[in-house]
Amino acid sequence: MAKWTPQHEAPEPLEGPVVATITGGTILWFVLFLVQLPFYGWFDDHGHVWWVWTCLAGGGLGLIGIWYVRGRDAALKRHAAEQAAAGAGGRDNGADGAGGARAEGR
């Protein structure tokens, strides 16, 4: 059987308010945990205690996610600033240096 290969390039990943999305999801997990906590006895009686701990685990993993996406966002912004600075610096040096070299060579 032949291996399937895509016929077109993959689309660019969607960039949006990633930090806000992860933060909102983390808050939601913690709120769900706090809402379920007073009913712990009911969850225990019916064998659904894992629902409570799943919400806590989701909140904890969300904290790791917030740390990760904030670092990623900062790295992307730092990279964009470095590229902009290198582009601006290259244009200034290139215009002065290349123009002078061309004038001297003629």
N, C-alpha and C. Protein backbone atom coordinates (compact mmCIF):
# COMPACT_ATOMS: atom_id res chain seq x y z
N MET A 1 0.84 -1.17 0.00
CA MET A 1 0.00 0.00 0.00
C MET A 1 0.89 1.24 0.00
N ALA A 2 0.58 2.17 -0.86
CA ALA A 2 1.39 3.38 -1.00
C ALA A 2 1.14 4.33 0.16
N LYS A 3 2.21 4.99 0.54
CA LYS A 3 2.10 5.98 1.61
C LYS A 3 1.42 7.23 1.07
N TRP A 4 0.48 7.76 1.84
CA TRP A 4 -0.23 8.96 1.43
C TRP A 4 0.64 10.18 1.69
N THR A 5 0.75 11.03 0.70
CA THR A 5 1.48 12.28 0.87
C THR A 5 0.57 13.43 0.48
N PRO A 6 0.63 14.51 1.22
CA PRO A 6 -0.25 15.63 0.90
C PRO A 6 0.14 16.27 -0.43
N GLN A 7 -0.84 16.80 -1.12
CA GLN A 7 -0.62 17.42 -2.42
C GLN A 7 -0.40 18.93 -2.31
N HIS A 8 -0.57 19.47 -1.13
CA HIS A 8 -0.40 20.91 -0.94
C HIS A 8 0.33 21.15 0.37
N GLU A 9 0.85 22.35 0.51
CA GLU A 9 1.57 22.71 1.73
C GLU A 9 0.59 22.89 2.88
N ALA A 10 1.07 22.63 4.07
CA ALA A 10 0.24 22.84 5.26
C ALA A 10 0.04 24.33 5.47
N PRO A 11 -1.14 24.73 5.94
CA PRO A 11 -1.37 26.15 6.18
C PRO A 11 -0.54 26.63 7.38
N GLU A 12 -0.34 27.92 7.41
CA GLU A 12 0.37 28.53 8.55
C GLU A 12 -0.45 28.32 9.81
N PRO A 13 0.21 28.12 10.95
CA PRO A 13 -0.55 27.97 12.20
C PRO A 13 -1.28 29.26 12.56
N LEU A 14 -2.42 29.11 13.17
CA LEU A 14 -3.19 30.27 13.59
C LEU A 14 -2.55 30.90 14.81
N GLU A 15 -2.35 32.17 14.77
CA GLU A 15 -1.83 32.89 15.92
C GLU A 15 -2.95 33.79 16.44
N GLY A 16 -3.19 33.71 17.69
CA GLY A 16 -4.23 34.52 18.29
C GLY A 16 -3.83 34.88 19.70
N PRO A 17 -4.79 35.22 20.52
CA PRO A 17 -4.49 35.56 21.92
C PRO A 17 -4.25 34.29 22.73
N VAL A 18 -3.10 33.67 22.51
CA VAL A 18 -2.81 32.37 23.11
C VAL A 18 -2.73 32.47 24.63
N VAL A 19 -2.04 33.47 25.14
CA VAL A 19 -1.89 33.62 26.59
C VAL A 19 -3.26 33.80 27.25
N ALA A 20 -4.10 34.63 26.66
CA ALA A 20 -5.44 34.86 27.22
C ALA A 20 -6.28 33.59 27.16
N THR A 21 -6.16 32.84 26.09
CA THR A 21 -6.92 31.60 25.95
C THR A 21 -6.52 30.58 27.00
N ILE A 22 -5.23 30.39 27.18
CA ILE A 22 -4.75 29.41 28.17
C ILE A 22 -5.09 29.88 29.58
N THR A 23 -4.97 31.16 29.85
CA THR A 23 -5.31 31.70 31.17
C THR A 23 -6.80 31.51 31.46
N GLY A 24 -7.63 31.80 30.46
CA GLY A 24 -9.08 31.61 30.64
C GLY A 24 -9.43 30.15 30.90
N GLY A 25 -8.82 29.25 30.16
CA GLY A 25 -9.06 27.83 30.38
C GLY A 25 -8.61 27.37 31.76
N THR A 26 -7.47 27.87 32.21
CA THR A 26 -6.95 27.51 33.53
C THR A 26 -7.89 28.01 34.63
N ILE A 27 -8.35 29.24 34.49
CA ILE A 27 -9.30 29.79 35.47
C ILE A 27 -10.57 28.94 35.49
N LEU A 28 -11.03 28.54 34.31
CA LEU A 28 -12.23 27.71 34.23
C LEU A 28 -12.05 26.38 34.95
N TRP A 29 -10.90 25.73 34.78
CA TRP A 29 -10.64 24.47 35.48
C TRP A 29 -10.66 24.67 36.99
N PHE A 30 -10.02 25.75 37.47
CA PHE A 30 -10.00 25.99 38.91
C PHE A 30 -11.39 26.33 39.45
N VAL A 31 -12.17 27.08 38.69
CA VAL A 31 -13.54 27.39 39.11
C VAL A 31 -14.37 26.10 39.19
N LEU A 32 -14.23 25.23 38.20
CA LEU A 32 -14.96 23.96 38.23
C LEU A 32 -14.54 23.12 39.44
N PHE A 33 -13.26 23.14 39.76
CA PHE A 33 -12.80 22.42 40.95
C PHE A 33 -13.45 22.98 42.21
N LEU A 34 -13.45 24.30 42.35
CA LEU A 34 -14.02 24.92 43.54
C LEU A 34 -15.53 24.71 43.63
N VAL A 35 -16.21 24.70 42.48
CA VAL A 35 -17.66 24.47 42.48
C VAL A 35 -17.98 23.04 42.90
N GLN A 36 -17.18 22.09 42.49
CA GLN A 36 -17.43 20.69 42.80
C GLN A 36 -16.99 20.30 44.21
N LEU A 37 -16.08 21.06 44.79
CA LEU A 37 -15.53 20.70 46.10
C LEU A 37 -16.58 20.55 47.19
N PRO A 38 -17.59 21.41 47.31
CA PRO A 38 -18.59 21.21 48.36
C PRO A 38 -19.41 19.92 48.19
N PHE A 39 -19.44 19.39 46.99
CA PHE A 39 -20.20 18.17 46.71
C PHE A 39 -19.31 16.93 46.69
N TYR A 40 -18.17 17.02 47.33
CA TYR A 40 -17.22 15.91 47.31
C TYR A 40 -17.85 14.61 47.82
N GLY A 41 -18.67 14.71 48.86
CA GLY A 41 -19.33 13.51 49.40
C GLY A 41 -20.23 12.85 48.38
N TRP A 42 -20.98 13.63 47.63
CA TRP A 42 -21.86 13.06 46.60
C TRP A 42 -21.03 12.37 45.52
N PHE A 43 -19.95 13.04 45.08
CA PHE A 43 -19.08 12.44 44.06
C PHE A 43 -18.47 11.14 44.59
N ASP A 44 -18.10 11.12 45.87
CA ASP A 44 -17.51 9.93 46.47
C ASP A 44 -18.54 8.80 46.54
N ASP A 45 -19.76 9.11 46.92
CA ASP A 45 -20.81 8.09 47.01
C ASP A 45 -21.14 7.47 45.66
N HIS A 46 -21.05 8.23 44.61
CA HIS A 46 -21.43 7.75 43.28
C HIS A 46 -20.22 7.32 42.44
N GLY A 47 -19.05 7.31 43.01
CA GLY A 47 -17.86 6.85 42.29
C GLY A 47 -17.34 7.83 41.26
N HIS A 48 -17.59 9.11 41.47
CA HIS A 48 -17.15 10.12 40.52
C HIS A 48 -16.14 11.10 41.11
N VAL A 49 -15.37 10.66 42.08
CA VAL A 49 -14.39 11.55 42.70
C VAL A 49 -13.35 12.01 41.68
N TRP A 50 -13.13 11.20 40.68
CA TRP A 50 -12.14 11.57 39.67
C TRP A 50 -12.52 12.85 38.94
N TRP A 51 -13.82 13.19 38.91
CA TRP A 51 -14.23 14.45 38.28
C TRP A 51 -13.60 15.64 39.02
N VAL A 52 -13.61 15.59 40.32
CA VAL A 52 -13.05 16.68 41.13
C VAL A 52 -11.55 16.79 40.87
N TRP A 53 -10.86 15.65 40.91
CA TRP A 53 -9.40 15.68 40.75
C TRP A 53 -8.99 15.98 39.32
N THR A 54 -9.85 15.65 38.37
CA THR A 54 -9.56 16.02 36.98
C THR A 54 -9.53 17.54 36.83
N CYS A 55 -10.48 18.22 37.46
CA CYS A 55 -10.50 19.69 37.40
C CYS A 55 -9.26 20.29 38.05
N LEU A 56 -8.83 19.72 39.16
CA LEU A 56 -7.62 20.22 39.81
C LEU A 56 -6.40 19.97 38.93
N ALA A 57 -6.32 18.78 38.33
CA ALA A 57 -5.21 18.48 37.43
C ALA A 57 -5.22 19.42 36.22
N GLY A 58 -6.41 19.72 35.69
CA GLY A 58 -6.52 20.65 34.57
C GLY A 58 -6.02 22.04 34.95
N GLY A 59 -6.35 22.49 36.15
CA GLY A 59 -5.86 23.79 36.62
C GLY A 59 -4.35 23.78 36.80
N GLY A 60 -3.83 22.70 37.37
CA GLY A 60 -2.38 22.61 37.56
C GLY A 60 -1.63 22.58 36.23
N LEU A 61 -2.12 21.78 35.30
CA LEU A 61 -1.49 21.74 33.98
C LEU A 61 -1.66 23.07 33.25
N GLY A 62 -2.76 23.75 33.51
CA GLY A 62 -2.96 25.07 32.92
C GLY A 62 -1.92 26.06 33.41
N LEU A 63 -1.52 25.96 34.67
CA LEU A 63 -0.47 26.84 35.19
C LEU A 63 0.84 26.61 34.44
N ILE A 64 1.15 25.35 34.16
CA ILE A 64 2.33 25.04 33.36
C ILE A 64 2.17 25.61 31.96
N GLY A 65 0.96 25.50 31.41
CA GLY A 65 0.68 26.04 30.08
C GLY A 65 0.84 27.55 30.03
N ILE A 66 0.39 28.24 31.07
CA ILE A 66 0.55 29.70 31.11
C ILE A 66 2.03 30.06 31.12
N TRP A 67 2.79 29.36 31.92
CA TRP A 67 4.23 29.61 31.99
C TRP A 67 4.87 29.39 30.61
N TYR A 68 4.46 28.33 29.94
CA TYR A 68 5.02 28.00 28.63
C TYR A 68 4.65 29.04 27.57
N VAL A 69 3.37 29.39 27.46
CA VAL A 69 2.96 30.30 26.39
C VAL A 69 3.44 31.72 26.64
N ARG A 70 3.59 32.11 27.90
CA ARG A 70 4.16 33.44 28.17
C ARG A 70 5.61 33.49 27.72
N GLY A 71 6.35 32.43 27.99
CA GLY A 71 7.74 32.36 27.53
C GLY A 71 7.84 32.33 26.02
N ARG A 72 6.95 31.58 25.38
CA ARG A 72 6.92 31.51 23.92
C ARG A 72 6.58 32.86 23.33
N ASP A 73 5.59 33.52 23.88
CA ASP A 73 5.18 34.83 23.39
C ASP A 73 6.32 35.84 23.53
N ALA A 74 7.01 35.80 24.67
CA ALA A 74 8.13 36.71 24.88
C ALA A 74 9.25 36.42 23.89
N ALA A 75 9.52 35.13 23.62
CA ALA A 75 10.56 34.77 22.67
C ALA A 75 10.21 35.22 21.26
N LEU A 76 8.94 35.07 20.87
CA LEU A 76 8.52 35.52 19.54
C LEU A 76 8.65 37.03 19.40
N LYS A 77 8.26 37.76 20.44
CA LYS A 77 8.39 39.22 20.39
C LYS A 77 9.85 39.64 20.36
N ARG A 78 10.70 38.96 21.13
CA ARG A 78 12.12 39.26 21.16
C ARG A 78 12.74 38.99 19.79
N HIS A 79 12.36 37.88 19.17
CA HIS A 79 12.87 37.55 17.85
C HIS A 79 12.43 38.58 16.80
N ALA A 80 11.17 38.98 16.87
CA ALA A 80 10.67 39.99 15.92
C ALA A 80 11.41 41.31 16.10
N ALA A 81 11.69 41.70 17.35
CA ALA A 81 12.42 42.94 17.60
C ALA A 81 13.85 42.84 17.09
N GLU A 82 14.49 41.67 17.25
CA GLU A 82 15.86 41.48 16.75
C GLU A 82 15.88 41.54 15.23
N GLN A 83 14.87 40.93 14.59
CA GLN A 83 14.80 40.95 13.13
C GLN A 83 14.59 42.37 12.63
N ALA A 84 13.71 43.12 13.32
CA ALA A 84 13.46 44.51 12.92
C ALA A 84 14.72 45.36 13.09
N ALA A 85 15.43 45.14 14.20
CA ALA A 85 16.66 45.90 14.43
C ALA A 85 17.73 45.52 13.40
N ALA A 86 17.84 44.25 13.08
CA ALA A 86 18.82 43.82 12.09
C ALA A 86 18.46 44.34 10.71
N GLY A 87 17.17 44.35 10.40
CA GLY A 87 16.73 44.87 9.10
C GLY A 87 16.96 46.36 8.99
N ALA A 88 16.68 47.09 10.03
CA ALA A 88 16.88 48.55 10.02
C ALA A 88 18.36 48.87 9.99
N GLY A 89 19.14 48.14 10.75
CA GLY A 89 20.58 48.36 10.76
C GLY A 89 21.22 47.98 9.44
N GLY A 90 20.74 46.91 8.83
CA GLY A 90 21.28 46.47 7.55
C GLY A 90 20.96 47.45 6.44
N ARG A 91 19.79 48.04 6.48
CA ARG A 91 19.43 49.01 5.45
C ARG A 91 20.27 50.28 5.57
N ASP A 92 20.51 50.73 6.79
CA ASP A 92 21.31 51.93 6.97
C ASP A 92 22.75 51.69 6.53
N ASN A 93 23.34 50.58 6.99
CA ASN A 93 24.72 50.29 6.64
C ASN A 93 24.84 49.97 5.17
N GLY A 94 23.88 49.25 4.63
CA GLY A 94 23.93 48.87 3.22
C GLY A 94 23.83 50.08 2.32
N ALA A 95 22.99 51.01 2.65
CA ALA A 95 22.81 52.19 1.81
C ALA A 95 24.08 53.05 1.82
N ASP A 96 24.67 53.24 3.01
CA ASP A 96 25.86 54.07 3.10
C ASP A 96 27.07 53.35 2.51
N GLY A 97 27.24 52.12 2.91
CA GLY A 97 28.43 51.36 2.49
C GLY A 97 28.39 51.03 1.01
N ALA A 98 27.24 50.54 0.52
CA ALA A 98 27.15 50.13 -0.88
C ALA A 98 27.21 51.35 -1.79
N GLY A 99 26.55 52.42 -1.38
CA GLY A 99 26.56 53.64 -2.19
C GLY A 99 27.97 54.19 -2.33
N GLY A 100 28.70 54.20 -1.24
CA GLY A 100 30.06 54.71 -1.27
C GLY A 100 30.97 53.83 -2.10
N ALA A 101 30.78 52.51 -2.02
CA ALA A 101 31.60 51.58 -2.77
C ALA A 101 31.32 51.70 -4.26
N ARG A 102 30.05 51.86 -4.60
CA ARG A 102 29.70 51.98 -6.00
C ARG A 102 30.26 53.29 -6.59
N ALA A 103 30.18 54.34 -5.80
CA ALA A 103 30.67 55.63 -6.28
C ALA A 103 32.18 55.58 -6.49
N GLU A 104 32.87 54.89 -5.57
CA GLU A 104 34.32 54.80 -5.67
C GLU A 104 34.73 53.93 -6.85
N GLY A 105 33.92 52.88 -7.13
CA GLY A 105 34.26 51.95 -8.21
C GLY A 105 34.03 52.55 -9.58
N ARG A 106 33.25 53.58 -9.72
CA ARG A 106 32.95 54.16 -11.05
C ARG A 106 33.99 55.09 -11.48
